[in-house]
PDB file of N, CA and C in Angstrom:
ATOM      1  N   MET A   1     -12.843  70.224   7.521  1.00  0.00           N
ATOM      2  CA  MET A   1     -13.423  69.063   8.250  1.00  0.00           C
ATOM      3  C   MET A   1     -12.600  69.119   9.586  1.00  0.00           C
ATOM      4  N   TYR A   2     -13.534  68.862  10.746  1.00  0.00           N
ATOM      5  CA  TYR A   2     -12.902  69.013  12.006  1.00  0.00           C
ATOM      6  C   TYR A   2     -13.086  67.711  12.635  1.00  0.00           C
ATOM      7  N   LEU A   3     -12.070  66.921  13.093  1.00  0.00           N
ATOM      8  CA  LEU A   3     -12.081  65.573  13.611  1.00  0.00           C
ATOM      9  C   LEU A   3     -11.037  65.473  14.654  1.00  0.00           C
ATOM     10  N   TYR A   4     -11.489  64.928  15.826  1.00  0.00           N
ATOM     11  CA  TYR A   4     -10.538  64.490  16.904  1.00  0.00           C
ATOM     12  C   TYR A   4      -9.611  65.645  17.236  1.00  0.00           C
ATOM     13  N   GLY A   5     -10.219  66.893  17.253  1.00  0.00           N
ATOM     14  CA  GLY A   5      -9.254  68.008  17.553  1.00  0.00           C
ATOM     15  C   GLY A   5      -8.376  68.669  16.605  1.00  0.00           C
ATOM     16  N   HIS A   6      -8.478  67.968  15.306  1.00  0.00           N
ATOM     17  CA  HIS A   6      -7.528  68.586  14.303  1.00  0.00           C
ATOM     18  C   HIS A   6      -8.411  69.167  13.173  1.00  0.00           C
ATOM     19  N   HIS A   7      -8.059  70.355  12.713  1.00  0.00           N
ATOM     20  CA  HIS A   7      -8.776  71.082  11.569  1.00  0.00           C
ATOM     21  C   HIS A   7      -7.865  70.796  10.303  1.00  0.00           C
ATOM     22  N   HIS A   8      -8.486  70.053   9.395  1.00  0.00           N
ATOM     23  CA  HIS A   8      -7.794  69.675   8.139  1.00  0.00           C
ATOM     24  C   HIS A   8      -8.765  70.068   6.949  1.00  0.00           C
ATOM     25  N   ARG A   9      -8.178  70.676   5.945  1.00  0.00           N
ATOM     26  CA  ARG A   9      -8.907  70.800   4.548  1.00  0.00           C
ATOM     27  C   ARG A   9      -8.713  69.541   3.875  1.00  0.00           C
ATOM     28  N   LEU A  10      -7.660  68.642   3.882  1.00  0.00           N
ATOM     29  CA  LEU A  10      -7.367  67.559   3.269  1.00  0.00           C
ATOM     30  C   LEU A  10      -7.367  66.415   4.173  1.00  0.00           C
ATOM     31  N   PRO A  11      -7.465  65.099   3.739  1.00  0.00           N
ATOM     32  CA  PRO A  11      -7.467  64.048   4.625  1.00  0.00           C
ATOM     33  C   PRO A  11      -5.968  64.175   5.475  1.00  0.00           C
ATOM     34  N   CYS A  12      -6.108  63.658   6.599  1.00  0.00           N
ATOM     35  CA  CYS A  12      -5.012  63.638   7.650  1.00  0.00           C
ATOM     36  C   CYS A  12      -4.312  62.116   7.674  1.00  0.00           C
ATOM     37  N   LEU A  13      -2.983  62.291   7.537  1.00  0.00           N
ATOM     38  CA  LEU A  13      -2.391  60.791   7.486  1.00  0.00           C
ATOM     39  C   LEU A  13      -2.476  60.105   8.783  1.00  0.00           C
ATOM     40  N   ARG A  14      -2.532  60.782  10.004  1.00  0.00           N
ATOM     41  CA  ARG A  14      -2.766  60.143  11.248  1.00  0.00           C
ATOM     42  C   ARG A  14      -4.273  59.712  11.417  1.00  0.00           C
ATOM     43  N   CYS A  15      -5.124  60.679  10.936  1.00  0.00           N
ATOM     44  CA  CYS A  15      -6.639  60.489  11.369  1.00  0.00           C
ATOM     45  C   CYS A  15      -7.190  59.453  10.347  1.00  0.00           C
ATOM     46  N   HIS A  16      -6.961  59.590   9.013  1.00  0.00           N
ATOM     47  CA  HIS A  16      -7.529  58.809   7.820  1.00  0.00           C
ATOM     48  C   HIS A  16      -6.390  58.250   6.864  1.00  0.00           C
ATOM     49  N   PRO A  17      -5.495  57.382   7.454  1.00  0.00           N
ATOM     50  CA  PRO A  17      -4.365  57.122   6.517  1.00  0.00           C
ATOM     51  C   PRO A  17      -4.887  56.581   5.187  1.00  0.00           C
ATOM     52  N   HIS A  18      -5.762  55.837   5.111  1.00  0.00           N
ATOM     53  CA  HIS A  18      -6.201  55.108   3.801  1.00  0.00           C
ATOM     54  C   HIS A  18      -6.616  56.420   2.820  1.00  0.00           C
ATOM     55  N   SER A  19      -7.388  57.291   3.358  1.00  0.00           N
ATOM     56  CA  SER A  19      -7.831  58.399   2.395  1.00  0.00           C
ATOM     57  C   SER A  19      -6.633  59.230   2.105  1.00  0.00           C
ATOM     58  N   TYR A  20      -5.817  59.531   3.000  1.00  0.00           N
ATOM     59  CA  TYR A  20      -4.637  60.296   2.656  1.00  0.00           C
ATOM     60  C   TYR A  20      -3.712  59.793   1.617  1.00  0.00           C
ATOM     61  N   ILE A  21      -3.518  58.483   1.664  1.00  0.00           N
ATOM     62  CA  ILE A  21      -2.586  57.670   0.668  1.00  0.00           C
ATOM     63  C   ILE A  21      -3.502  57.738  -0.666  1.00  0.00           C
ATOM     64  N   ARG A  22      -4.571  57.444  -0.688  1.00  0.00           N
ATOM     65  CA  ARG A  22      -5.332  57.536  -1.944  1.00  0.00           C
ATOM     66  C   ARG A  22      -5.375  59.073  -2.598  1.00  0.00           C
ATOM     67  N   MET A  23      -5.357  60.122  -1.649  1.00  0.00           N
ATOM     68  CA  MET A  23      -5.115  61.442  -2.048  1.00  0.00           C
ATOM     69  C   MET A  23      -3.909  61.619  -2.878  1.00  0.00           C
ATOM     70  N   VAL A  24      -2.747  61.161  -2.131  1.00  0.00           N
ATOM     71  CA  VAL A  24      -1.367  61.285  -2.579  1.00  0.00           C
ATOM     72  C   VAL A  24      -1.352  60.550  -3.945  1.00  0.00           C
ATOM     73  N   GLN A  25      -2.014  59.259  -3.974  1.00  0.00           N
ATOM     74  CA  GLN A  25      -1.934  58.610  -5.358  1.00  0.00           C
ATOM     75  C   GLN A  25      -2.569  59.436  -6.305  1.00  0.00           C
ATOM     76  N   HIS A  26      -3.572  60.033  -6.064  1.00  0.00           N
ATOM     77  CA  HIS A  26      -4.295  60.880  -7.094  1.00  0.00           C
ATOM     78  C   HIS A  26      -3.418  62.080  -7.559  1.00  0.00           C
ATOM     79  N   LEU A  27      -2.860  62.685  -6.515  1.00  0.00           N
ATOM     80  CA  LEU A  27      -2.000  63.887  -6.904  1.00  0.00           C
ATOM     81  C   LEU A  27      -0.665  63.431  -7.766  1.00  0.00           C
ATOM     82  N   ILE A  28      -0.207  62.250  -7.442  1.00  0.00           N
ATOM     83  CA  ILE A  28       0.811  61.698  -8.179  1.00  0.00           C
ATOM     84  C   ILE A  28       0.346  61.514  -9.711  1.00  0.00           C
ATOM     85  N   GLU A  29      -0.773  60.875  -9.880  1.00  0.00           N
ATOM     86  CA  GLU A  29      -1.362  60.648 -11.073  1.00  0.00           C
ATOM     87  C   GLU A  29      -1.448  61.969 -11.948  1.00  0.00           C
ATOM     88  N   ARG A  30      -1.968  63.116 -11.292  1.00  0.00           N
ATOM     89  CA  ARG A  30      -2.058  64.262 -11.881  1.00  0.00           C
ATOM     90  C   ARG A  30      -0.732  64.850 -12.234  1.00  0.00           C
ATOM     91  N   CYS A  31       0.283  64.666 -11.539  1.00  0.00           N
ATOM     92  CA  CYS A  31       1.628  64.921 -11.891  1.00  0.00           C
ATOM     93  C   CYS A  31       2.041  64.112 -13.146  1.00  0.00           C
ATOM     94  N   LEU A  32       1.735  62.856 -13.316  1.00  0.00           N
ATOM     95  CA  LEU A  32       2.080  62.137 -14.388  1.00  0.00           C
ATOM     96  C   LEU A  32       1.376  62.757 -15.560  1.00  0.00           C
ATOM     97  N   LEU A  33       0.298  63.132 -15.435  1.00  0.00           N
ATOM     98  CA  LEU A  33      -0.526  63.817 -16.680  1.00  0.00           C
ATOM     99  C   LEU A  33       0.144  64.917 -17.114  1.00  0.00           C
ATOM    100  N   LEU A  34       0.803  65.616 -16.234  1.00  0.00           N
ATOM    101  CA  LEU A  34       1.571  66.867 -16.587  1.00  0.00           C
ATOM    102  C   LEU A  34       3.151  66.500 -16.958  1.00  0.00           C
ATOM    103  N   HIS A  35       3.387  65.261 -17.182  1.00  0.00           N
ATOM    104  CA  HIS A  35       4.759  64.730 -17.537  1.00  0.00           C
ATOM    105  C   HIS A  35       5.911  65.171 -16.691  1.00  0.00           C
ATOM    106  N   MET A  36       5.501  65.152 -15.372  1.00  0.00           N
ATOM    107  CA  MET A  36       6.579  65.596 -14.390  1.00  0.00           C
ATOM    108  C   MET A  36       7.433  64.360 -13.984  1.00  0.00           C
ATOM    109  N   SER A  37       8.688  64.614 -13.704  1.00  0.00           N
ATOM    110  CA  SER A  37       9.567  63.526 -13.221  1.00  0.00           C
ATOM    111  C   SER A  37       9.125  63.262 -11.736  1.00  0.00           C
ATOM    112  N   ARG A  38       9.690  62.079 -11.181  1.00  0.00           N
ATOM    113  CA  ARG A  38       9.556  61.824  -9.746  1.00  0.00           C
ATOM    114  C   ARG A  38       9.985  63.054  -8.781  1.00  0.00           C
ATOM    115  N   ASP A  39      11.090  63.632  -9.176  1.00  0.00           N
ATOM    116  CA  ASP A  39      11.665  64.631  -8.381  1.00  0.00           C
ATOM    117  C   ASP A  39      10.820  65.941  -8.286  1.00  0.00           C
ATOM    118  N   GLN A  40      10.299  66.247  -9.499  1.00  0.00           N
ATOM    119  CA  GLN A  40       9.475  67.354  -9.749  1.00  0.00           C
ATOM    120  C   GLN A  40       8.162  67.122  -8.923  1.00  0.00           C
ATOM    121  N   CYS A  41       7.518  65.903  -9.110  1.00  0.00           N
ATOM    122  CA  CYS A  41       6.328  65.556  -8.440  1.00  0.00           C
ATOM    123  C   CYS A  41       6.422  65.758  -6.859  1.00  0.00           C
ATOM    124  N   VAL A  42       7.535  65.180  -6.282  1.00  0.00           N
ATOM    125  CA  VAL A  42       7.846  65.093  -4.884  1.00  0.00           C
ATOM    126  C   VAL A  42       7.871  66.700  -4.315  1.00  0.00           C
ATOM    127  N   LYS A  43       8.565  67.611  -5.040  1.00  0.00           N
ATOM    128  CA  LYS A  43       8.828  68.847  -4.741  1.00  0.00           C
ATOM    129  C   LYS A  43       7.366  69.607  -4.933  1.00  0.00           C
ATOM    130  N   ALA A  44       6.601  69.384  -5.911  1.00  0.00           N
ATOM    131  CA  ALA A  44       5.366  69.899  -6.145  1.00  0.00           C
ATOM    132  C   ALA A  44       4.236  69.494  -4.953  1.00  0.00           C
ATOM    133  N   LEU A  45       4.311  68.234  -4.567  1.00  0.00           N
ATOM    134  CA  LEU A  45       3.484  67.916  -3.466  1.00  0.00           C
ATOM    135  C   LEU A  45       3.814  68.365  -2.225  1.00  0.00           C
ATOM    136  N   ALA A  46       5.084  68.517  -1.990  1.00  0.00           N
ATOM    137  CA  ALA A  46       5.367  69.043  -0.712  1.00  0.00           C
ATOM    138  C   ALA A  46       5.167  70.617  -0.858  1.00  0.00           C
ATOM    139  N   LYS A  47       5.320  71.368  -1.808  1.00  0.00           N
ATOM    140  CA  LYS A  47       5.112  72.755  -1.795  1.00  0.00           C
ATOM    141  C   LYS A  47       3.612  73.167  -1.831  1.00  0.00           C
ATOM    142  N   HIS A  48       2.732  72.460  -2.687  1.00  0.00           N
ATOM    143  CA  HIS A  48       1.386  72.773  -2.777  1.00  0.00           C
ATOM    144  C   HIS A  48       0.349  72.007  -2.107  1.00  0.00           C
ATOM    145  N   ALA A  49       0.674  70.902  -1.519  1.00  0.00           N
ATOM    146  CA  ALA A  49      -0.077  69.934  -0.689  1.00  0.00           C
ATOM    147  C   ALA A  49       0.349  69.651   0.533  1.00  0.00           C
ATOM    148  N   SER A  50       1.510  70.047   0.879  1.00  0.00           N
ATOM    149  CA  SER A  50       2.179  69.885   2.184  1.00  0.00           C
ATOM    150  C   SER A  50       2.383  68.412   2.385  1.00  0.00           C
ATOM    151  N   VAL A  51       2.632  67.447   1.459  1.00  0.00           N
ATOM    152  CA  VAL A  51       2.865  66.304   1.414  1.00  0.00           C
ATOM    153  C   VAL A  51       4.308  65.968   1.837  1.00  0.00           C
ATOM    154  N   HIS A  52       4.489  65.267   2.777  1.00  0.00           N
ATOM    155  CA  HIS A  52       5.918  64.929   3.161  1.00  0.00           C
ATOM    156  C   HIS A  52       6.627  64.117   2.072  1.00  0.00           C
ATOM    157  N   PRO A  53       7.886  64.515   1.567  1.00  0.00           N
ATOM    158  CA  PRO A  53       8.499  63.775   0.511  1.00  0.00           C
ATOM    159  C   PRO A  53       8.557  62.264   0.614  1.00  0.00           C
ATOM    160  N   LEU A  54       8.906  61.763   1.954  1.00  0.00           N
ATOM    161  CA  LEU A  54       8.796  60.430   2.108  1.00  0.00           C
ATOM    162  C   LEU A  54       7.622  59.668   1.885  1.00  0.00           C
ATOM    163  N   VAL A  55       6.462  60.320   2.054  1.00  0.00           N
ATOM    164  CA  VAL A  55       5.036  59.722   1.845  1.00  0.00           C
ATOM    165  C   VAL A  55       5.061  59.726   0.327  1.00  0.00           C
ATOM    166  N   THR A  56       5.321  60.784  -0.300  1.00  0.00           N
ATOM    167  CA  THR A  56       5.235  60.796  -1.930  1.00  0.00           C
ATOM    168  C   THR A  56       6.008  59.684  -2.450  1.00  0.00           C
ATOM    169  N   LEU A  57       7.318  59.666  -1.954  1.00  0.00           N
ATOM    170  CA  LEU A  57       8.240  58.521  -2.601  1.00  0.00           C
ATOM    171  C   LEU A  57       7.730  57.067  -2.311  1.00  0.00           C
ATOM    172  N   THR A  58       7.215  56.918  -1.152  1.00  0.00           N
ATOM    173  CA  THR A  58       6.672  55.607  -0.845  1.00  0.00           C
ATOM    174  C   THR A  58       5.536  55.254  -1.607  1.00  0.00           C
ATOM    175  N   VAL A  59       4.564  56.198  -1.839  1.00  0.00           N
ATOM    176  CA  VAL A  59       3.429  55.897  -2.700  1.00  0.00           C
ATOM    177  C   VAL A  59       3.849  55.741  -4.212  1.00  0.00           C
ATOM    178  N   TRP A  60       4.827  56.617  -4.568  1.00  0.00           N
ATOM    179  CA  TRP A  60       5.331  56.467  -6.028  1.00  0.00           C
ATOM    180  C   TRP A  60       5.924  55.123  -6.261  1.00  0.00           C
ATOM    181  N   ARG A  61       6.737  54.589  -5.323  1.00  0.00           N
ATOM    182  CA  ARG A  61       7.421  53.231  -5.488  1.00  0.00           C
ATOM    183  C   ARG A  61       6.456  52.082  -5.537  1.00  0.00           C
ATOM    184  N   GLU A  62       5.374  52.232  -4.758  1.00  0.00           N
ATOM    185  CA  GLU A  62       4.157  51.309  -4.839  1.00  0.00           C
ATOM    186  C   GLU A  62       3.430  51.288  -6.147  1.00  0.00           C
ATOM    187  N   LEU A  63       3.210  52.561  -6.590  1.00  0.00           N
ATOM    188  CA  LEU A  63       2.548  52.550  -7.871  1.00  0.00           C
ATOM    189  C   LEU A  63       3.513  51.955  -9.041  1.00  0.00           C
ATOM    190  N   GLN A  64       4.695  52.235  -8.895  1.00  0.00           N
ATOM    191  CA  GLN A  64       5.833  51.869  -9.693  1.00  0.00           C
ATOM    192  C   GLN A  64       5.714  50.184  -9.793  1.00  0.00           C
ATOM    193  N   LYS A  65       5.731  49.696  -8.757  1.00  0.00           N
ATOM    194  CA  LYS A  65       5.723  48.216  -8.595  1.00  0.00           C
ATOM    195  C   LYS A  65       4.556  47.588  -9.062  1.00  0.00           C
ATOM    196  N   GLU A  66       3.466  48.137  -8.987  1.00  0.00           N
ATOM    197  CA  GLU A  66       2.118  47.592  -9.405  1.00  0.00           C
ATOM    198  C   GLU A  66       1.875  47.841 -10.914  1.00  0.00           C
ATOM    199  N   ASN A  67       2.716  48.793 -11.451  1.00  0.00           N
ATOM    200  CA  ASN A  67       2.579  49.317 -12.945  1.00  0.00           C
ATOM    201  C   ASN A  67       3.805  49.285 -13.653  1.00  0.00           C
ATOM    202  N   ARG A  68       4.576  48.472 -13.551  1.00  0.00           N
ATOM    203  CA  ARG A  68       5.900  48.322 -14.038  1.00  0.00           C
ATOM    204  C   ARG A  68       6.002  48.777 -15.524  1.00  0.00           C
ATOM    205  N   ASP A  69       5.206  48.267 -16.322  1.00  0.00           N
ATOM    206  CA  ASP A  69       5.114  48.422 -17.898  1.00  0.00           C
ATOM    207  C   ASP A  69       4.856  50.008 -18.127  1.00  0.00           C
ATOM    208  N   PHE A  70       3.707  50.598 -17.457  1.00  0.00           N
ATOM    209  CA  PHE A  70       3.448  51.898 -17.522  1.00  0.00           C
ATOM    210  C   PHE A  70       4.571  52.715 -17.297  1.00  0.00           C
ATOM    211  N   PHE A  71       5.280  52.478 -16.178  1.00  0.00           N
ATOM    212  CA  PHE A  71       6.391  53.397 -15.721  1.00  0.00           C
ATOM    213  C   PHE A  71       7.519  53.415 -16.587  1.00  0.00           C
ATOM    214  N   HIS A  72       7.831  52.122 -17.181  1.00  0.00           N
ATOM    215  CA  HIS A  72       8.952  52.033 -18.193  1.00  0.00           C
ATOM    216  C   HIS A  72       8.657  52.889 -19.315  1.00  0.00           C
ATOM    217  N   ALA A  73       7.483  52.852 -19.867  1.00  0.00           N
ATOM    218  CA  ALA A  73       7.060  53.593 -21.058  1.00  0.00           C
ATOM    219  C   ALA A  73       7.108  55.228 -20.714  1.00  0.00           C
ATOM    220  N   TYR A  74       6.683  55.367 -19.341  1.00  0.00           N
ATOM    221  CA  TYR A  74       6.512  56.750 -18.930  1.00  0.00           C
ATOM    222  C   TYR A  74       7.867  57.442 -18.847  1.00  0.00           C
ATOM    223  N   PHE A  75       8.860  56.769 -18.271  1.00  0.00           N
ATOM    224  CA  PHE A  75      10.142  57.183 -18.067  1.00  0.00           C
ATOM    225  C   PHE A  75      10.840  57.511 -19.334  1.00  0.00           C
ATOM    226  N   HIS A  76      10.639  56.497 -20.310  1.00  0.00           N
ATOM    227  CA  HIS A  76      11.166  56.648 -21.739  1.00  0.00           C
ATOM    228  C   HIS A  76      10.587  57.776 -22.296  1.00  0.00           C
ATOM    229  N   SER A  77       9.249  58.111 -22.171  1.00  0.00           N
ATOM    230  CA  SER A  77       8.705  59.327 -22.849  1.00  0.00           C
ATOM    231  C   SER A  77       9.151  60.633 -22.396  1.00  0.00           C
ATOM    232  N   ILE A  78       9.488  60.702 -21.039  1.00  0.00           N
ATOM    233  CA  ILE A  78       9.709  61.924 -20.477  1.00  0.00           C
ATOM    234  C   ILE A  78      11.325  62.247 -20.391  1.00  0.00           C
ATOM    235  N   SER A  79      12.144  61.226 -20.687  1.00  0.00           N
ATOM    236  CA  SER A  79      13.539  61.236 -20.628  1.00  0.00           C
ATOM    237  C   SER A  79      14.030  62.319 -21.643  1.00  0.00           C
ATOM    238  N   PRO A  80      15.031  63.139 -21.277  1.00  0.00           N
ATOM    239  CA  PRO A  80      15.612  64.293 -22.065  1.00  0.00           C
ATOM    240  C   PRO A  80      16.063  63.712 -23.429  1.00  0.00           C
ATOM    241  N   ARG A  81      16.641  62.455 -23.346  1.00  0.00           N
ATOM    242  CA  ARG A  81      17.160  61.856 -24.742  1.00  0.00           C
ATOM    243  C   ARG A  81      16.082  61.525 -25.508  1.00  0.00           C
ATOM    244  N   HIS A  82      14.847  61.153 -25.075  1.00  0.00           N
ATOM    245  CA  HIS A  82      13.705  60.898 -25.931  1.00  0.00           C
ATOM    246  C   HIS A  82      13.221  62.306 -26.606  1.00  0.00           C
ATOM    247  N   PHE A  83      13.227  63.331 -25.745  1.00  0.00           N
ATOM    248  CA  PHE A  83      12.689  64.644 -26.357  1.00  0.00           C
ATOM    249  C   PHE A  83      13.763  65.017 -27.450  1.00  0.00           C
ATOM    250  N   THR A  84      15.188  64.982 -27.225  1.00  0.00           N
ATOM    251  CA  THR A  84      16.244  65.409 -28.050  1.00  0.00           C
ATOM    252  C   THR A  84      16.096  64.599 -29.355  1.00  0.00           C
ATOM    253  N   SER A  85      15.966  63.226 -29.213  1.00  0.00           N
ATOM    254  CA  SER A  85      15.814  62.470 -30.537  1.00  0.00           C
ATOM    255  C   SER A  85      14.530  62.797 -31.358  1.00  0.00           C
ATOM    256  N   ARG A  86      13.442  63.029 -30.653  1.00  0.00           N
ATOM    257  CA  ARG A  86      12.248  63.465 -31.355  1.00  0.00           C
ATOM    258  C   ARG A  86      12.472  64.687 -31.923  1.00  0.00           C
ATOM    259  N   ARG A  87      13.077  65.668 -31.281  1.00  0.00           N
ATOM    260  CA  ARG A  87      13.379  66.982 -31.923  1.00  0.00           C
ATOM    261  C   ARG A  87      14.373  67.019 -33.010  1.00  0.00           C
ATOM    262  N   THR A  88      15.369  66.209 -32.910  1.00  0.00           N
ATOM    263  CA  THR A  88      16.326  66.046 -33.972  1.00  0.00           C
ATOM    264  C   THR A  88      15.605  65.455 -35.221  1.00  0.00           C
ATOM    265  N   ARG A  89      14.781  64.422 -35.001  1.00  0.00           N
ATOM    266  CA  ARG A  89      14.085  63.926 -36.194  1.00  0.00           C
ATOM    267  C   ARG A  89      13.024  64.996 -36.911  1.00  0.00           C
ATOM    268  N   ARG A  90      12.443  65.666 -36.106  1.00  0.00           N
ATOM    269  CA  ARG A  90      11.593  66.790 -36.560  1.00  0.00           C
ATOM    270  C   ARG A  90      12.273  67.818 -37.314  1.00  0.00           C
ATOM    271  N   VAL A  91      13.552  68.161 -36.683  1.00  0.00           N
ATOM    272  CA  VAL A  91      14.186  69.215 -37.447  1.00  0.00           C
ATOM    273  C   VAL A  91      14.895  68.682 -38.777  1.00  0.00           C
ATOM    274  N   SER A  92      15.281  67.474 -38.873  1.00  0.00           N
ATOM    275  CA  SER A  92      15.817  66.951 -39.858  1.00  0.00           C
ATOM    276  C   SER A  92      14.762  66.747 -41.115  1.00  0.00           C
ATOM    277  N   ARG A  93      13.427  66.563 -40.562  1.00  0.00           N
ATOM    278  CA  ARG A  93      12.351  66.271 -41.471  1.00  0.00           C
ATOM    279  C   ARG A  93      12.034  67.621 -42.108  1.00  0.00           C
ATOM    280  N   LEU A  94      12.080  68.703 -41.197  1.00  0.00           N
ATOM    281  CA  LEU A  94      11.717  69.982 -41.734  1.00  0.00           C
ATOM    282  C   LEU A  94      12.918  70.631 -42.751  1.00  0.00           C
ATOM    283  N   THR A  95      14.134  70.186 -42.432  1.00  0.00           N
ATOM    284  CA  THR A  95      15.203  70.608 -43.207  1.00  0.00           C
ATOM    285  C   THR A  95      15.079  70.038 -44.640  1.00  0.00           C
ATOM    286  N   ARG A  96      14.660  68.716 -44.639  1.00  0.00           N
ATOM    287  CA  ARG A  96      14.412  67.975 -46.001  1.00  0.00           C
ATOM    288  C   ARG A  96      13.361  68.666 -46.771  1.00  0.00           C
ATOM    289  N   GLU A  97      12.314  69.014 -46.052  1.00  0.00           N
ATOM    290  CA  GLU A  97      11.177  69.536 -46.782  1.00  0.00           C
ATOM    291  C   GLU A  97      11.499  71.060 -47.346  1.00  0.00           C
ATOM    292  N   ILE A  98      12.412  71.657 -46.839  1.00  0.00           N
ATOM    293  CA  ILE A  98      12.855  73.074 -47.296  1.00  0.00           C
ATOM    294  C   ILE A  98      13.665  73.047 -48.508  1.00  0.00           C
TER     295      ILE A  98
END
């Protein structure tokens, strides 16, 4: 896409801020589907989509404000403690079966 003297494959924050923020939101949602932490998401978007970390963090915070219950459950599900406790239960169940 060529607009206003800029050549961009993706929406430009300066040229189309609303489209750019929607794109970042969509990319964050894809990171969530991959069970990535906030920091992993920030790094992935910076590396693969050239999204400035501050933009990702700002959009993440807004999504978190609008979806408190979802993020509370999400953080619980990806926490290392949650994985460890699930793994411990699974191992103890297997041990009992043997």
